[in-house]
Amino acid sequence: MAALAHAARVAAFALFPLALFPLTAGCGPSPEKREAAAVLHAIDVLRDAPAEPASGRVAHLQQLEQVSASDPRSARARDDCVKAYRLLLEGNALEAKVRGALADPSGLTPEILRDLGAAEDKIEESTAAMPACDTALADLHRWLR
């Protein structure tokens, strides 16, 4: 009888961690919060990337665009920041093209003047769009706390 009681105690002790498994299975952040963290990380990487070469920032922008965001808060932050940074990067690229053309007097064409105007417009639009990105990021940070 004592051996049976001992075996029962050993079995109960061995199975105790399995009894706790349902309690721990739900631990950790939800899929939505993991997506939000991924969006924030991708935006941080984009913001922290050096301005030159521009191709690096363009690659980070494309990576941000690919981040899954099923929660509206994450999607808003991703989409608002993609919009603002795309405009900025496109404006900067046009500005660099204009600077290169101005280095050679024969490069001054009506097309270059149009590019200069387009660059200024895109940079202004980016400046106007950036507060929406910042607000969406702040909202996402608050939600993750």
Protein backbone atom coordinates (compact mmCIF):
# COMPACT_ATOMS: atom_id res chain seq x y z
CA MET A 1 0.00 0.00 0.00
CA ALA A 2 2.83 2.39 0.84
CA ALA A 3 4.44 1.66 -2.51
CA LEU A 4 1.19 2.48 -4.29
CA ALA A 5 0.85 5.77 -2.40
CA HIS A 6 4.45 6.63 -3.20
CA ALA A 7 3.90 5.85 -6.90
CA ALA A 8 0.79 8.06 -6.91
CA ARG A 9 2.74 10.95 -5.37
CA VAL A 10 5.57 10.54 -7.90
CA ALA A 11 3.08 10.46 -10.79
CA ALA A 12 1.26 13.52 -9.47
CA PHE A 13 4.54 15.37 -9.06
CA ALA A 14 5.65 14.41 -12.57
CA LEU A 15 2.34 15.49 -14.11
CA PHE A 16 2.07 18.77 -12.19
CA PRO A 17 3.84 20.84 -14.90
CA LEU A 18 1.38 19.50 -17.47
CA ALA A 19 -1.48 20.74 -15.32
CA LEU A 20 -0.01 24.24 -15.48
CA PHE A 21 0.40 24.20 -19.26
CA PRO A 22 -3.09 25.59 -20.00
CA LEU A 23 -2.29 28.51 -17.71
CA THR A 24 0.92 29.33 -19.57
CA ALA A 25 -0.32 28.67 -23.11
CA GLY A 26 -1.94 32.12 -23.25
CA CYS A 27 1.12 33.95 -21.94
CA GLY A 28 2.92 36.44 -24.08
CA PRO A 29 1.68 39.15 -26.38
CA SER A 30 -1.27 38.62 -28.67
CA PRO A 31 -0.68 38.28 -32.43
CA GLU A 32 -1.95 41.85 -32.87
CA LYS A 33 0.57 43.18 -30.36
CA ARG A 34 3.38 41.19 -32.01
CA GLU A 35 2.40 42.78 -35.33
CA ALA A 36 2.36 46.20 -33.70
CA ALA A 37 5.85 45.62 -32.32
CA ALA A 38 7.02 44.56 -35.79
CA VAL A 39 5.55 47.72 -37.32
CA LEU A 40 7.26 49.89 -34.70
CA HIS A 41 10.56 48.10 -35.26
CA ALA A 42 10.36 48.51 -39.04
CA ILE A 43 9.60 52.23 -38.65
CA ASP A 44 12.48 52.66 -36.20
CA VAL A 45 14.85 50.94 -38.65
CA LEU A 46 13.67 53.25 -41.44
CA ARG A 47 14.00 56.38 -39.31
CA ASP A 48 17.43 55.39 -37.98
CA ALA A 49 18.84 54.48 -41.41
CA PRO A 50 21.44 56.86 -42.80
CA ALA A 51 20.16 59.22 -45.49
CA GLU A 52 22.86 58.06 -47.90
CA PRO A 53 22.83 55.87 -49.80
CA ALA A 54 19.16 56.46 -50.46
CA SER A 55 18.76 52.89 -51.67
CA GLY A 56 19.11 51.71 -48.07
CA ARG A 57 16.18 53.80 -46.91
CA VAL A 58 14.14 52.73 -49.94
CA ALA A 59 14.77 49.08 -49.00
CA HIS A 60 13.68 49.77 -45.41
CA LEU A 61 10.55 51.51 -46.70
CA GLN A 62 9.71 48.45 -48.79
CA GLN A 63 10.25 46.21 -45.76
CA LEU A 64 7.90 48.39 -43.70
CA GLU A 65 5.30 48.12 -46.44
CA GLN A 66 5.48 44.31 -46.23
CA VAL A 67 4.90 44.11 -42.45
CA SER A 68 1.59 42.46 -41.67
CA ALA A 69 -0.82 44.68 -39.74
CA SER A 70 -4.27 43.23 -39.10
CA ASP A 71 -5.06 45.60 -36.23
CA PRO A 72 -6.29 49.04 -37.40
CA ARG A 73 -3.81 50.85 -35.12
CA SER A 74 -0.85 48.99 -36.60
CA ALA A 75 -2.16 49.39 -40.15
CA ARG A 76 -2.66 53.13 -39.64
CA ALA A 77 0.87 53.61 -38.30
CA ARG A 78 2.37 51.55 -41.09
CA ASP A 79 0.35 53.20 -43.86
CA ASP A 80 0.71 56.78 -42.57
CA CYS A 81 4.47 56.39 -42.17
CA VAL A 82 4.87 54.68 -45.56
CA LYS A 83 3.05 57.60 -47.17
CA ALA A 84 5.14 60.26 -45.41
CA TYR A 85 8.49 58.56 -45.99
CA ARG A 86 7.73 57.59 -49.60
CA LEU A 87 7.03 61.25 -50.41
CA LEU A 88 10.22 62.30 -48.62
CA LEU A 89 12.40 59.74 -50.39
CA GLU A 90 10.89 60.50 -53.80
CA GLY A 91 11.39 64.23 -53.22
CA ASN A 92 14.98 63.69 -52.12
CA ALA A 93 15.68 61.54 -55.20
CA LEU A 94 14.33 64.22 -57.51
CA GLU A 95 16.32 66.86 -55.65
CA ALA A 96 19.51 64.82 -56.09
CA LYS A 97 18.76 64.45 -59.80
CA VAL A 98 18.34 68.23 -60.11
CA ARG A 99 21.59 68.88 -58.21
CA GLY A 100 23.42 66.52 -60.55
CA ALA A 101 21.96 68.23 -63.61
CA LEU A 102 22.88 71.68 -62.33
CA ALA A 103 26.51 70.62 -62.00
CA ASP A 104 26.65 70.54 -65.80
CA PRO A 105 25.29 73.69 -67.50
CA SER A 106 24.14 71.66 -70.50
CA GLY A 107 21.97 69.60 -68.14
CA LEU A 108 19.65 72.51 -67.42
CA THR A 109 16.49 71.58 -69.30
CA PRO A 110 12.79 72.29 -68.84
CA GLU A 111 12.46 68.73 -67.53
CA ILE A 112 14.95 69.46 -64.75
CA LEU A 113 13.00 72.56 -63.75
CA ARG A 114 9.83 70.44 -63.59
CA ASP A 115 11.71 67.90 -61.47
CA LEU A 116 12.77 70.69 -59.11
CA GLY A 117 9.14 71.75 -58.68
CA ALA A 118 8.04 68.14 -58.19
CA ALA A 119 10.80 67.59 -55.60
CA GLU A 120 9.68 70.63 -53.63
CA ASP A 121 6.04 69.50 -53.81
CA LYS A 122 6.84 65.98 -52.58
CA ILE A 123 8.96 67.25 -49.71
CA GLU A 124 6.19 69.68 -48.69
CA GLU A 125 3.61 66.86 -48.85
CA SER A 126 5.91 64.70 -46.74
CA THR A 127 6.23 67.48 -44.18
CA ALA A 128 2.43 67.73 -44.06
CA ALA A 129 2.02 63.93 -43.79
CA MET A 130 4.66 63.35 -41.10
CA PRO A 131 2.50 64.48 -38.13
CA ALA A 132 -0.05 61.76 -38.96
CA CYS A 133 2.79 59.22 -38.88
CA ASP A 134 4.01 60.57 -35.54
CA THR A 135 0.50 60.53 -34.04
CA ALA A 136 -0.15 56.98 -35.23
CA LEU A 137 3.18 55.86 -33.75
CA ALA A 138 2.40 57.49 -30.41
CA ASP A 139 -1.02 55.80 -30.36
CA LEU A 140 0.59 52.45 -31.14
CA HIS A 141 3.20 52.90 -28.38
CA ARG A 142 0.44 53.73 -25.87
CA TRP A 143 -1.57 50.67 -26.90
CA LEU A 144 1.45 48.40 -26.44
CA ARG A 145 2.05 49.53 -22.85
